[in-house]
Amino acid sequence: EFSDYARLLIARPERVDISEAIEGWLKPYRLAPPGALRFEWHAPAGPALVVVDPRLLRRAVINLVENAVAAAGGRGQVCVRLHARGDEWVVEVEDDGPGIDPRKLEQLFEPDVTTRETGSGLGLPIVREAVEALGGRLDVDSEPGKGTRFSISLPGG
């Protein structure tokens, strides 16, 4: 993961329908969710065109989904949504897991900081670097006991 972290700054942008791409990336989770997990995908009808490096976006989305699946613990719910907001496309990954301690939120994107016992602490810094390399923004909203939502905002294309 460390070598991926170092390589992420090199983006190879192309015009992509992220609705179609994300739907494909999520297919394994939707067809066979782990445990009793409920997995949902919501997107508007029609294309959602952006100019991004699909490799970087995939890495960011899948990392957030994997974190959400782990937080939900195989018994909760993970929901991925795509929606337009002004001239941006927003990808939200939300879980109903335990949430993140507000004191941990400030450090969450620093290397070697993890909320999991077996995490490397590089996943979220990689996500942040990937999203920023795409010209986007990564936000997090979490409430202890209620879950966490990560939002990737990308300029429309």
N, C-alpha and C. Protein backbone atom coordinates (compact mmCIF):
# COMPACT_ATOMS: atom_id res chain seq x y z
N GLU A 1 0.82 -1.20 0.00
CA GLU A 1 0.00 0.00 0.00
C GLU A 1 0.86 1.26 0.00
N PHE A 2 2.03 1.19 0.66
CA PHE A 2 2.88 2.36 0.71
C PHE A 2 3.35 2.78 -0.67
N SER A 3 3.71 1.80 -1.54
CA SER A 3 4.16 2.17 -2.89
C SER A 3 3.01 2.76 -3.69
N ASP A 4 1.76 2.26 -3.47
CA ASP A 4 0.60 2.86 -4.13
C ASP A 4 0.41 4.30 -3.67
N TYR A 5 0.60 4.53 -2.39
CA TYR A 5 0.44 5.87 -1.80
C TYR A 5 1.38 6.85 -2.51
N ALA A 6 2.61 6.43 -2.76
CA ALA A 6 3.60 7.30 -3.40
C ALA A 6 3.29 7.54 -4.87
N ARG A 7 2.64 6.58 -5.56
CA ARG A 7 2.38 6.69 -7.00
C ARG A 7 1.10 7.42 -7.34
N LEU A 8 0.26 7.72 -6.39
CA LEU A 8 -1.06 8.22 -6.69
C LEU A 8 -1.11 9.61 -7.32
N LEU A 9 -0.06 10.35 -7.22
CA LEU A 9 -0.10 11.72 -7.73
C LEU A 9 -0.12 11.79 -9.25
N ILE A 10 0.12 10.68 -9.92
CA ILE A 10 0.14 10.68 -11.38
C ILE A 10 -1.22 10.22 -11.88
N ALA A 11 -2.04 11.16 -12.31
CA ALA A 11 -3.37 10.84 -12.81
C ALA A 11 -3.37 10.79 -14.33
N ARG A 12 -4.15 9.86 -14.87
CA ARG A 12 -4.33 9.73 -16.32
C ARG A 12 -5.82 9.92 -16.61
N PRO A 13 -6.25 11.17 -16.69
CA PRO A 13 -7.69 11.43 -16.82
C PRO A 13 -8.27 11.06 -18.17
N GLU A 14 -9.53 10.61 -18.11
CA GLU A 14 -10.31 10.34 -19.31
C GLU A 14 -11.78 10.58 -18.97
N ARG A 15 -12.58 10.74 -20.00
CA ARG A 15 -14.02 10.97 -19.78
C ARG A 15 -14.68 9.63 -19.43
N VAL A 16 -15.36 9.60 -18.28
CA VAL A 16 -15.90 8.35 -17.74
C VAL A 16 -17.34 8.58 -17.28
N ASP A 17 -18.20 7.60 -17.53
CA ASP A 17 -19.53 7.59 -16.93
C ASP A 17 -19.36 6.90 -15.58
N ILE A 18 -19.25 7.71 -14.51
CA ILE A 18 -18.94 7.11 -13.21
C ILE A 18 -20.11 6.30 -12.66
N SER A 19 -21.31 6.57 -13.09
CA SER A 19 -22.44 5.75 -12.64
C SER A 19 -22.25 4.32 -13.12
N GLU A 20 -21.96 4.16 -14.39
CA GLU A 20 -21.73 2.84 -14.97
C GLU A 20 -20.50 2.17 -14.34
N ALA A 21 -19.42 2.93 -14.19
CA ALA A 21 -18.19 2.38 -13.63
C ALA A 21 -18.40 1.90 -12.20
N ILE A 22 -18.98 2.75 -11.36
CA ILE A 22 -19.18 2.38 -9.95
C ILE A 22 -20.12 1.19 -9.84
N GLU A 23 -21.16 1.17 -10.65
CA GLU A 23 -22.08 0.03 -10.61
C GLU A 23 -21.32 -1.28 -10.87
N GLY A 24 -20.41 -1.26 -11.82
CA GLY A 24 -19.60 -2.45 -12.10
C GLY A 24 -18.68 -2.81 -10.94
N TRP A 25 -18.06 -1.80 -10.33
CA TRP A 25 -17.15 -2.06 -9.21
C TRP A 25 -17.89 -2.65 -8.01
N LEU A 26 -19.15 -2.26 -7.85
CA LEU A 26 -19.93 -2.69 -6.68
C LEU A 26 -20.65 -4.02 -6.90
N LYS A 27 -20.64 -4.52 -8.11
CA LYS A 27 -21.41 -5.73 -8.41
C LYS A 27 -21.09 -6.90 -7.46
N PRO A 28 -19.83 -7.20 -7.16
CA PRO A 28 -19.57 -8.31 -6.23
C PRO A 28 -20.19 -8.09 -4.84
N TYR A 29 -20.21 -6.88 -4.36
CA TYR A 29 -20.81 -6.58 -3.05
C TYR A 29 -22.32 -6.74 -3.10
N ARG A 30 -22.92 -6.36 -4.22
CA ARG A 30 -24.37 -6.44 -4.35
C ARG A 30 -24.83 -7.88 -4.55
N LEU A 31 -24.06 -8.67 -5.28
CA LEU A 31 -24.44 -10.05 -5.55
C LEU A 31 -24.22 -10.97 -4.35
N ALA A 32 -23.16 -10.71 -3.59
CA ALA A 32 -22.82 -11.59 -2.46
C ALA A 32 -22.30 -10.77 -1.29
N PRO A 33 -23.18 -9.99 -0.64
CA PRO A 33 -22.70 -9.20 0.50
C PRO A 33 -22.23 -10.11 1.63
N PRO A 34 -21.17 -9.72 2.33
CA PRO A 34 -20.66 -10.57 3.41
C PRO A 34 -21.64 -10.67 4.57
N GLY A 35 -21.76 -11.86 5.12
CA GLY A 35 -22.63 -12.07 6.27
C GLY A 35 -24.06 -11.69 5.97
N ALA A 36 -24.67 -11.02 6.93
CA ALA A 36 -26.07 -10.57 6.78
C ALA A 36 -26.12 -9.10 6.39
N LEU A 37 -25.04 -8.60 5.83
CA LEU A 37 -24.95 -7.19 5.44
C LEU A 37 -25.96 -6.86 4.35
N ARG A 38 -26.61 -5.72 4.50
CA ARG A 38 -27.49 -5.18 3.45
C ARG A 38 -26.65 -4.16 2.67
N PHE A 39 -26.58 -4.34 1.37
CA PHE A 39 -25.76 -3.47 0.53
C PHE A 39 -26.65 -2.81 -0.50
N GLU A 40 -26.62 -1.48 -0.57
CA GLU A 40 -27.47 -0.74 -1.50
C GLU A 40 -26.64 0.15 -2.41
N TRP A 41 -27.13 0.34 -3.63
CA TRP A 41 -26.53 1.25 -4.62
C TRP A 41 -27.64 2.08 -5.21
N HIS A 42 -27.48 3.40 -5.16
CA HIS A 42 -28.48 4.32 -5.71
C HIS A 42 -27.77 5.31 -6.63
N ALA A 43 -28.31 5.47 -7.84
CA ALA A 43 -27.76 6.43 -8.80
C ALA A 43 -28.90 6.95 -9.66
N PRO A 44 -28.77 8.17 -10.16
CA PRO A 44 -29.81 8.68 -11.06
C PRO A 44 -29.76 7.96 -12.41
N ALA A 45 -30.87 8.01 -13.11
CA ALA A 45 -30.92 7.43 -14.45
C ALA A 45 -30.05 8.27 -15.37
N GLY A 46 -29.44 7.64 -16.33
CA GLY A 46 -28.63 8.37 -17.31
C GLY A 46 -27.18 8.46 -16.89
N PRO A 47 -26.36 8.97 -17.80
CA PRO A 47 -24.91 9.02 -17.54
C PRO A 47 -24.54 10.11 -16.53
N ALA A 48 -23.43 9.86 -15.86
CA ALA A 48 -22.82 10.83 -14.94
C ALA A 48 -21.37 11.01 -15.41
N LEU A 49 -21.17 11.94 -16.31
CA LEU A 49 -19.87 12.09 -16.97
C LEU A 49 -18.94 12.99 -16.18
N VAL A 50 -17.72 12.49 -15.99
CA VAL A 50 -16.66 13.26 -15.36
C VAL A 50 -15.36 12.93 -16.08
N VAL A 51 -14.37 13.79 -15.91
CA VAL A 51 -13.05 13.52 -16.45
C VAL A 51 -12.17 13.16 -15.26
N VAL A 52 -11.87 11.85 -15.15
CA VAL A 52 -11.09 11.33 -14.03
C VAL A 52 -10.20 10.20 -14.52
N ASP A 53 -9.28 9.81 -13.68
CA ASP A 53 -8.52 8.58 -13.89
C ASP A 53 -9.34 7.48 -13.22
N PRO A 54 -9.95 6.57 -14.00
CA PRO A 54 -10.81 5.56 -13.39
C PRO A 54 -10.08 4.66 -12.40
N ARG A 55 -8.79 4.47 -12.59
CA ARG A 55 -7.99 3.65 -11.68
C ARG A 55 -7.95 4.29 -10.30
N LEU A 56 -7.74 5.60 -10.25
CA LEU A 56 -7.69 6.30 -8.97
C LEU A 56 -9.05 6.35 -8.31
N LEU A 57 -10.09 6.61 -9.10
CA LEU A 57 -11.43 6.67 -8.52
C LEU A 57 -11.84 5.31 -8.00
N ARG A 58 -11.55 4.27 -8.73
CA ARG A 58 -11.88 2.91 -8.27
C ARG A 58 -11.19 2.63 -6.94
N ARG A 59 -9.93 2.97 -6.87
CA ARG A 59 -9.17 2.74 -5.64
C ARG A 59 -9.83 3.46 -4.47
N ALA A 60 -10.24 4.69 -4.66
CA ALA A 60 -10.86 5.48 -3.59
C ALA A 60 -12.21 4.88 -3.19
N VAL A 61 -13.05 4.59 -4.17
CA VAL A 61 -14.40 4.08 -3.87
C VAL A 61 -14.32 2.72 -3.19
N ILE A 62 -13.53 1.81 -3.73
CA ILE A 62 -13.44 0.46 -3.15
C ILE A 62 -12.85 0.51 -1.75
N ASN A 63 -11.88 1.38 -1.52
CA ASN A 63 -11.31 1.49 -0.18
C ASN A 63 -12.37 1.97 0.81
N LEU A 64 -13.16 2.95 0.42
CA LEU A 64 -14.23 3.44 1.31
C LEU A 64 -15.29 2.36 1.53
N VAL A 65 -15.63 1.61 0.48
CA VAL A 65 -16.61 0.53 0.63
C VAL A 65 -16.07 -0.55 1.57
N GLU A 66 -14.83 -0.93 1.40
CA GLU A 66 -14.23 -1.94 2.28
C GLU A 66 -14.24 -1.47 3.74
N ASN A 67 -13.93 -0.21 3.96
CA ASN A 67 -13.98 0.34 5.33
C ASN A 67 -15.40 0.30 5.87
N ALA A 68 -16.38 0.64 5.04
CA ALA A 68 -17.78 0.64 5.47
C ALA A 68 -18.25 -0.77 5.78
N VAL A 69 -17.87 -1.73 4.96
CA VAL A 69 -18.23 -3.13 5.20
C VAL A 69 -17.64 -3.59 6.53
N ALA A 70 -16.38 -3.25 6.78
CA ALA A 70 -15.74 -3.63 8.04
C ALA A 70 -16.44 -2.97 9.22
N ALA A 71 -16.80 -1.69 9.08
CA ALA A 71 -17.46 -0.97 10.18
C ALA A 71 -18.84 -1.55 10.46
N ALA A 72 -19.55 -1.96 9.40
CA ALA A 72 -20.90 -2.52 9.58
C ALA A 72 -20.84 -3.91 10.20
N GLY A 73 -19.70 -4.53 10.14
CA GLY A 73 -19.51 -5.80 10.83
C GLY A 73 -20.29 -6.97 10.27
N GLY A 74 -20.66 -6.93 9.00
CA GLY A 74 -21.35 -8.05 8.39
C GLY A 74 -22.81 -8.19 8.78
N ARG A 75 -23.34 -7.23 9.57
CA ARG A 75 -24.74 -7.35 9.98
C ARG A 75 -25.53 -6.08 9.77
N GLY A 76 -24.87 -5.03 9.42
CA GLY A 76 -25.57 -3.76 9.26
C GLY A 76 -25.87 -3.45 7.81
N GLN A 77 -25.74 -2.18 7.48
CA GLN A 77 -26.06 -1.72 6.14
C GLN A 77 -24.96 -0.82 5.61
N VAL A 78 -24.65 -0.98 4.33
CA VAL A 78 -23.75 -0.09 3.61
C VAL A 78 -24.54 0.42 2.41
N CYS A 79 -24.51 1.72 2.22
CA CYS A 79 -25.23 2.33 1.11
C CYS A 79 -24.27 3.23 0.34
N VAL A 80 -24.22 3.03 -0.97
CA VAL A 80 -23.41 3.87 -1.85
C VAL A 80 -24.39 4.63 -2.74
N ARG A 81 -24.21 5.95 -2.78
CA ARG A 81 -25.10 6.81 -3.57
C ARG A 81 -24.27 7.70 -4.49
N LEU A 82 -24.83 7.94 -5.65
CA LEU A 82 -24.26 8.91 -6.58
C LEU A 82 -25.35 9.93 -6.87
N HIS A 83 -25.02 11.20 -6.73
CA HIS A 83 -26.01 12.24 -7.04
C HIS A 83 -25.30 13.51 -7.49
N ALA A 84 -26.05 14.32 -8.21
CA ALA A 84 -25.52 15.60 -8.68
C ALA A 84 -25.76 16.64 -7.61
N ARG A 85 -24.79 17.55 -7.46
CA ARG A 85 -24.93 18.71 -6.57
C ARG A 85 -24.31 19.89 -7.32
N GLY A 86 -25.17 20.72 -7.87
CA GLY A 86 -24.67 21.82 -8.71
C GLY A 86 -23.96 21.25 -9.92
N ASP A 87 -22.72 21.68 -10.14
CA ASP A 87 -21.96 21.16 -11.28
C ASP A 87 -21.00 20.04 -10.86
N GLU A 88 -21.26 19.44 -9.71
CA GLU A 88 -20.43 18.34 -9.21
C GLU A 88 -21.22 17.03 -9.20
N TRP A 89 -20.48 15.94 -9.21
CA TRP A 89 -21.04 14.62 -8.92
C TRP A 89 -20.49 14.21 -7.56
N VAL A 90 -21.37 13.67 -6.72
CA VAL A 90 -20.98 13.28 -5.36
C VAL A 90 -21.22 11.79 -5.20
N VAL A 91 -20.18 11.10 -4.75
CA VAL A 91 -20.28 9.68 -4.42
C VAL A 91 -20.24 9.60 -2.90
N GLU A 92 -21.29 9.04 -2.31
CA GLU A 92 -21.34 8.88 -0.85
C GLU A 92 -21.27 7.40 -0.51
N VAL A 93 -20.46 7.08 0.49
CA VAL A 93 -20.38 5.72 1.02
C VAL A 93 -20.71 5.83 2.50
N GLU A 94 -21.82 5.19 2.88
CA GLU A 94 -22.33 5.34 4.24
C GLU A 94 -22.55 3.98 4.88
N ASP A 95 -22.20 3.88 6.15
CA ASP A 95 -22.45 2.66 6.91
C ASP A 95 -23.19 3.01 8.19
N ASP A 96 -23.80 2.00 8.79
CA ASP A 96 -24.49 2.21 10.06
C ASP A 96 -23.71 1.55 11.21
N GLY A 97 -22.39 1.56 11.07
CA GLY A 97 -21.50 0.99 12.08
C GLY A 97 -21.40 1.88 13.32
N PRO A 98 -20.37 1.68 14.11
CA PRO A 98 -20.24 2.38 15.38
C PRO A 98 -19.89 3.86 15.28
N GLY A 99 -19.54 4.34 14.09
CA GLY A 99 -19.12 5.74 13.96
C GLY A 99 -17.67 5.90 14.40
N ILE A 100 -17.20 7.12 14.30
CA ILE A 100 -15.80 7.42 14.62
C ILE A 100 -15.77 8.48 15.70
N ASP A 101 -14.94 8.26 16.68
CA ASP A 101 -14.76 9.21 17.77
C ASP A 101 -14.39 10.57 17.19
N PRO A 102 -15.10 11.64 17.57
CA PRO A 102 -14.81 12.97 17.02
C PRO A 102 -13.35 13.39 17.18
N ARG A 103 -12.69 12.94 18.22
CA ARG A 103 -11.27 13.29 18.41
C ARG A 103 -10.39 12.61 17.38
N LYS A 104 -10.83 11.47 16.84
CA LYS A 104 -10.08 10.72 15.83
C LYS A 104 -10.26 11.30 14.43
N LEU A 105 -11.38 12.01 14.21
CA LEU A 105 -11.68 12.53 12.88
C LEU A 105 -10.58 13.45 12.35
N GLU A 106 -10.00 14.27 13.22
CA GLU A 106 -8.97 15.22 12.79
C GLU A 106 -7.73 14.51 12.28
N GLN A 107 -7.43 13.32 12.81
CA GLN A 107 -6.22 12.59 12.45
C GLN A 107 -6.46 11.52 11.40
N LEU A 108 -7.69 11.32 11.00
CA LEU A 108 -8.09 10.19 10.19
C LEU A 108 -7.33 10.05 8.87
N PHE A 109 -6.90 11.15 8.29
CA PHE A 109 -6.25 11.11 6.98
C PHE A 109 -4.73 11.18 7.07
N GLU A 110 -4.20 11.03 8.28
CA GLU A 110 -2.76 10.98 8.45
C GLU A 110 -2.28 9.54 8.32
N PRO A 111 -1.13 9.32 7.66
CA PRO A 111 -0.61 7.95 7.56
C PRO A 111 -0.40 7.34 8.94
N ASP A 112 -0.63 6.05 9.03
CA ASP A 112 -0.45 5.25 10.24
C ASP A 112 -1.52 5.45 11.29
N VAL A 113 -2.58 6.22 11.00
CA VAL A 113 -3.70 6.37 11.93
C VAL A 113 -4.81 5.45 11.44
N THR A 114 -5.30 4.59 12.32
CA THR A 114 -6.36 3.67 11.94
C THR A 114 -7.35 3.53 13.09
N THR A 115 -8.60 3.21 12.75
CA THR A 115 -9.61 2.95 13.77
C THR A 115 -9.83 1.45 13.93
N ARG A 116 -9.13 0.64 13.11
CA ARG A 116 -9.28 -0.81 13.16
C ARG A 116 -8.04 -1.45 13.77
N GLU A 117 -8.23 -2.61 14.38
CA GLU A 117 -7.11 -3.32 15.00
C GLU A 117 -6.12 -3.83 13.97
N THR A 118 -6.59 -4.19 12.78
CA THR A 118 -5.70 -4.78 11.78
C THR A 118 -5.42 -3.84 10.61
N GLY A 119 -5.80 -2.59 10.69
CA GLY A 119 -5.58 -1.66 9.59
C GLY A 119 -4.14 -1.19 9.49
N SER A 120 -3.74 -0.82 8.27
CA SER A 120 -2.37 -0.33 8.05
C SER A 120 -2.27 1.17 8.34
N GLY A 121 -3.39 1.87 8.32
CA GLY A 121 -3.36 3.31 8.50
C GLY A 121 -3.04 4.06 7.23
N LEU A 122 -2.99 3.37 6.09
CA LEU A 122 -2.70 4.04 4.82
C LEU A 122 -3.92 4.16 3.92
N GLY A 123 -4.99 3.44 4.22
CA GLY A 123 -6.16 3.43 3.35
C GLY A 123 -6.76 4.80 3.12
N LEU A 124 -7.10 5.51 4.18
CA LEU A 124 -7.73 6.82 4.01
C LEU A 124 -6.78 7.89 3.48
N PRO A 125 -5.50 7.89 3.87
CA PRO A 125 -4.59 8.83 3.19
C PRO A 125 -4.50 8.56 1.68
N ILE A 126 -4.55 7.28 1.28
CA ILE A 126 -4.53 6.95 -0.15
C ILE A 126 -5.80 7.46 -0.81
N VAL A 127 -6.94 7.28 -0.15
CA VAL A 127 -8.20 7.78 -0.70
C VAL A 127 -8.13 9.29 -0.88
N ARG A 128 -7.68 9.99 0.15
CA ARG A 128 -7.60 11.45 0.06
C ARG A 128 -6.68 11.89 -1.08
N GLU A 129 -5.51 11.28 -1.18
CA GLU A 129 -4.57 11.64 -2.26
C GLU A 129 -5.17 11.35 -3.63
N ALA A 130 -5.86 10.22 -3.76
CA ALA A 130 -6.48 9.87 -5.04
C ALA A 130 -7.54 10.89 -5.42
N VAL A 131 -8.40 11.23 -4.47
CA VAL A 131 -9.49 12.18 -4.74
C VAL A 131 -8.92 13.56 -5.10
N GLU A 132 -7.91 14.00 -4.37
CA GLU A 132 -7.30 15.30 -4.68
C GLU A 132 -6.61 15.28 -6.04
N ALA A 133 -5.99 14.15 -6.41
CA ALA A 133 -5.35 14.03 -7.72
C ALA A 133 -6.39 14.10 -8.84
N LEU A 134 -7.65 13.75 -8.52
CA LEU A 134 -8.74 13.82 -9.49
C LEU A 134 -9.38 15.21 -9.54
N GLY A 135 -8.88 16.13 -8.71
CA GLY A 135 -9.45 17.47 -8.65
C GLY A 135 -10.69 17.53 -7.78
N GLY A 136 -10.87 16.51 -6.94
CA GLY A 136 -12.05 16.44 -6.09
C GLY A 136 -11.77 16.78 -4.65
N ARG A 137 -12.79 16.51 -3.84
CA ARG A 137 -12.72 16.80 -2.40
C ARG A 137 -13.30 15.60 -1.65
N LEU A 138 -12.71 15.27 -0.52
CA LEU A 138 -13.18 14.18 0.32
C LEU A 138 -13.64 14.75 1.65
N ASP A 139 -14.88 14.41 2.03
CA ASP A 139 -15.43 14.87 3.31
C ASP A 139 -15.90 13.66 4.10
N VAL A 140 -15.94 13.81 5.42
CA VAL A 140 -16.43 12.76 6.28
C VAL A 140 -17.37 13.35 7.32
N ASP A 141 -18.42 12.61 7.59
CA ASP A 141 -19.39 12.97 8.62
C ASP A 141 -19.65 11.70 9.41
N SER A 142 -19.44 11.76 10.72
CA SER A 142 -19.62 10.57 11.53
C SER A 142 -20.21 10.93 12.87
N GLU A 143 -21.06 10.05 13.34
CA GLU A 143 -21.66 10.23 14.66
C GLU A 143 -21.53 8.91 15.43
N PRO A 144 -20.82 8.93 16.55
CA PRO A 144 -20.66 7.70 17.33
C PRO A 144 -22.02 7.06 17.61
N GLY A 145 -22.07 5.75 17.36
CA GLY A 145 -23.30 4.99 17.58
C GLY A 145 -24.27 5.01 16.42
N LYS A 146 -24.01 5.84 15.41
CA LYS A 146 -24.96 5.94 14.28
C LYS A 146 -24.34 5.65 12.93
N GLY A 147 -23.03 5.74 12.80
CA GLY A 147 -22.40 5.43 11.52
C GLY A 147 -21.58 6.57 10.95
N THR A 148 -21.10 6.32 9.74
CA THR A 148 -20.16 7.23 9.08
C THR A 148 -20.53 7.37 7.61
N ARG A 149 -20.36 8.58 7.08
CA ARG A 149 -20.57 8.83 5.65
C ARG A 149 -19.34 9.58 5.10
N PHE A 150 -18.72 8.99 4.09
CA PHE A 150 -17.66 9.65 3.34
C PHE A 150 -18.25 10.13 2.03
N SER A 151 -17.87 11.33 1.61
CA SER A 151 -18.38 11.91 0.37
C SER A 151 -17.20 12.33 -0.51
N ILE A 152 -17.22 11.86 -1.75
CA ILE A 152 -16.24 12.27 -2.75
C ILE A 152 -16.97 13.21 -3.70
N SER A 153 -16.53 14.45 -3.79
CA SER A 153 -17.13 15.44 -4.70
C SER A 153 -16.17 15.63 -5.87
N LEU A 154 -16.71 15.46 -7.09
CA LEU A 154 -15.90 15.58 -8.31
C LEU A 154 -16.51 16.59 -9.25
N PRO A 155 -15.68 17.41 -9.90
CA PRO A 155 -16.23 18.34 -10.89
C PRO A 155 -16.85 17.58 -12.04
N GLY A 156 -18.02 18.02 -12.49
CA GLY A 156 -18.70 17.38 -13.63
C GLY A 156 -17.90 17.56 -14.90
N GLY A 157 -18.11 16.69 -15.85
CA GLY A 157 -17.33 16.75 -17.08
C GLY A 157 -18.23 16.63 -18.23
